Amino acid sequence: MRFTTAAFATALMLLGPVTGRPLHAAELQPLEIVTKAGVRNFSVELAATDEELDRGLMYRRELPEGRGMLFDFKRDRPVGMWMKNTYISLDMLFIRSDGTIVKIAEKTKPHSLENIVSGPPVRAVLEVIGGSARKLGIRPGDKVVHPIFHPR
């Protein structure tokens, strides 16, 4: 297998910030958000195990634009999130199983123990760098395209 300089640099940037464990390309998944202004593309890590859901983006010092973490709760249910041990401000997008964004918590406060609730039941939460939703024109009602969602 041959690696180019760009591929090597990309591999270095994908080192897991907490564990030092490298993230494999298969661990980053494409995700699209269809807005009135166009399609917004992200590369996301999928948090699906209990450990991944509990840890989330805790202890990370940065999150590049266009990257995020998608928390998959497997079924629609009321969800609460917090910012304990999270060093960066995030936007939290609460998403139903059909991919519809129902709520956005913008620019959450780092290290806060405040419970940020979904309101209606949701299948998933997408966390992206704080301010991204406003900057990219992402609003409730927009659709998220990813294999975990099942459009009606």
Protein backbone atom coordinates (compact mmCIF):
# COMPACT_ATOMS: atom_id res chain seq x y z
CA MET A 1 0.00 0.00 0.00
CA ARG A 2 1.43 3.40 -0.98
CA PHE A 3 0.85 6.54 1.03
CA THR A 4 1.20 9.99 -0.42
CA THR A 5 2.41 12.90 1.67
CA ALA A 6 -1.17 14.20 1.85
CA ALA A 7 -2.46 10.83 3.01
CA PHE A 8 0.24 10.65 5.67
CA ALA A 9 -0.59 14.17 6.88
CA THR A 10 -4.28 13.28 7.00
CA ALA A 11 -3.49 10.14 9.00
CA LEU A 12 -1.53 12.23 11.51
CA MET A 13 -4.45 14.65 11.92
CA LEU A 14 -6.81 11.77 12.68
CA LEU A 15 -5.07 10.68 15.87
CA GLY A 16 -7.59 10.21 18.63
CA PRO A 17 -7.05 13.11 21.08
CA VAL A 18 -7.89 11.17 24.24
CA THR A 19 -6.54 7.70 23.63
CA GLY A 20 -3.82 8.43 21.09
CA ARG A 21 -5.42 5.60 19.10
CA PRO A 22 -5.51 6.38 15.38
CA LEU A 23 -8.91 6.78 13.81
CA HIS A 24 -9.24 4.69 10.69
CA ALA A 25 -10.80 6.21 7.59
CA ALA A 26 -13.69 3.75 7.97
CA GLU A 27 -14.49 5.43 11.31
CA LEU A 28 -15.20 8.74 9.56
CA GLN A 29 -18.48 8.68 7.72
CA PRO A 30 -20.05 11.17 5.33
CA LEU A 31 -23.17 12.98 6.48
CA GLU A 32 -25.22 15.54 4.56
CA ILE A 33 -27.66 18.14 5.79
CA VAL A 34 -30.12 19.37 3.18
CA THR A 35 -30.95 23.03 3.88
CA LYS A 36 -32.88 25.68 1.94
CA ALA A 37 -29.49 27.16 1.01
CA GLY A 38 -28.05 23.86 -0.25
CA VAL A 39 -26.42 20.67 0.94
CA ARG A 40 -23.90 20.90 3.79
CA ASN A 41 -21.35 18.08 3.98
CA PHE A 42 -19.70 16.74 7.13
CA SER A 43 -17.37 13.90 8.08
CA VAL A 44 -18.54 12.37 11.34
CA GLU A 45 -17.52 9.82 13.89
CA LEU A 46 -20.38 7.57 14.90
CA ALA A 47 -20.94 7.09 18.64
CA ALA A 48 -23.08 3.96 19.01
CA THR A 49 -21.76 1.91 21.95
CA ASP A 50 -22.51 2.86 25.55
CA GLU A 51 -18.87 3.85 26.05
CA GLU A 52 -18.83 6.02 22.91
CA LEU A 53 -22.15 7.64 23.83
CA ASP A 54 -20.89 8.42 27.35
CA ARG A 55 -17.51 9.83 26.22
CA GLY A 56 -18.64 11.76 23.15
CA LEU A 57 -16.35 14.70 22.47
CA MET A 58 -15.15 15.03 26.07
CA TYR A 59 -11.51 16.07 26.57
CA ARG A 60 -11.02 17.23 23.00
CA ARG A 61 -9.38 20.60 22.58
CA GLU A 62 -10.48 21.18 18.98
CA LEU A 63 -12.93 20.07 16.34
CA PRO A 64 -12.28 21.12 12.76
CA GLU A 65 -15.04 22.73 10.72
CA GLY A 66 -16.86 20.14 8.70
CA ARG A 67 -16.26 17.42 11.31
CA GLY A 68 -18.57 16.17 14.01
CA MET A 69 -19.87 13.31 16.10
CA LEU A 70 -23.20 11.59 15.49
CA PHE A 71 -24.71 9.99 18.60
CA ASP A 72 -26.99 7.09 17.62
CA PHE A 73 -29.53 6.16 20.31
CA LYS A 74 -31.00 3.42 18.02
CA ARG A 75 -34.64 4.59 18.39
CA ASP A 76 -36.55 7.80 18.97
CA ARG A 77 -36.56 8.71 22.66
CA PRO A 78 -36.20 11.80 24.85
CA VAL A 79 -32.50 12.68 25.09
CA GLY A 80 -30.48 14.86 27.43
CA MET A 81 -26.89 15.97 26.78
CA TRP A 82 -24.35 17.95 28.81
CA MET A 83 -20.95 19.53 28.34
CA LYS A 84 -19.08 18.01 31.29
CA ASN A 85 -15.35 17.74 30.46
CA THR A 86 -15.97 19.22 27.00
CA TYR A 87 -13.50 22.01 26.23
CA ILE A 88 -15.05 23.42 23.07
CA SER A 89 -18.39 25.06 22.39
CA LEU A 90 -20.65 22.90 20.26
CA ASP A 91 -23.89 23.11 18.32
CA MET A 92 -26.13 20.12 19.10
CA LEU A 93 -28.61 19.10 16.40
CA PHE A 94 -31.40 16.84 17.68
CA ILE A 95 -32.63 14.55 14.88
CA ARG A 96 -35.65 12.22 14.52
CA SER A 97 -35.33 8.75 12.96
CA ASP A 98 -36.56 10.13 9.62
CA GLY A 99 -33.59 12.53 9.54
CA THR A 100 -35.55 15.69 10.43
CA ILE A 101 -33.77 18.17 12.70
CA VAL A 102 -36.25 19.07 15.46
CA LYS A 103 -34.07 21.28 17.67
CA ILE A 104 -30.69 22.99 17.66
CA ALA A 105 -28.84 24.00 20.82
CA GLU A 106 -26.35 26.60 19.60
CA LYS A 107 -22.95 27.45 21.08
CA THR A 108 -23.24 25.29 24.18
CA LYS A 109 -21.15 26.32 27.16
CA PRO A 110 -17.98 24.24 27.74
CA HIS A 111 -17.83 22.28 31.04
CA SER A 112 -21.49 23.03 31.82
CA LEU A 113 -23.53 20.46 33.74
CA GLU A 114 -26.76 21.96 32.40
CA ASN A 115 -29.02 19.30 30.90
CA ILE A 116 -29.67 20.15 27.24
CA VAL A 117 -32.83 18.24 26.34
CA SER A 118 -34.21 17.22 22.98
CA GLY A 119 -37.81 18.19 23.66
CA PRO A 120 -39.55 15.67 21.41
CA PRO A 121 -38.08 12.15 21.14
CA VAL A 122 -35.07 11.89 18.78
CA ARG A 123 -33.00 9.08 17.28
CA ALA A 124 -29.69 10.96 17.24
CA VAL A 125 -27.73 14.06 18.11
CA LEU A 126 -25.11 15.58 15.82
CA GLU A 127 -22.44 17.66 17.54
CA VAL A 128 -20.47 20.13 15.42
CA ILE A 129 -18.29 23.12 16.28
CA GLY A 130 -20.24 25.93 17.94
CA GLY A 131 -21.66 28.47 15.49
CA SER A 132 -21.76 26.05 12.54
CA ALA A 133 -25.56 25.82 12.35
CA ARG A 134 -26.03 29.59 12.05
CA LYS A 135 -23.05 30.00 9.72
CA LEU A 136 -24.27 27.25 7.36
CA GLY A 137 -27.98 28.15 7.53
CA ILE A 138 -28.97 24.89 9.25
CA ARG A 139 -32.41 25.07 10.88
CA PRO A 140 -35.05 22.83 12.45
CA GLY A 141 -36.95 21.09 9.66
CA ASP A 142 -33.81 20.50 7.58
CA LYS A 143 -33.04 16.88 6.67
CA VAL A 144 -29.97 14.87 7.65
CA VAL A 145 -28.84 12.15 5.25
CA HIS A 146 -26.93 9.27 6.83
CA PRO A 147 -27.51 5.47 6.84
CA ILE A 148 -28.97 5.45 10.38
CA PHE A 149 -31.93 7.59 9.27
CA HIS A 150 -34.97 6.21 7.48
CA PRO A 151 -36.88 8.86 5.49
CA ARG A 152 -40.63 8.52 5.52
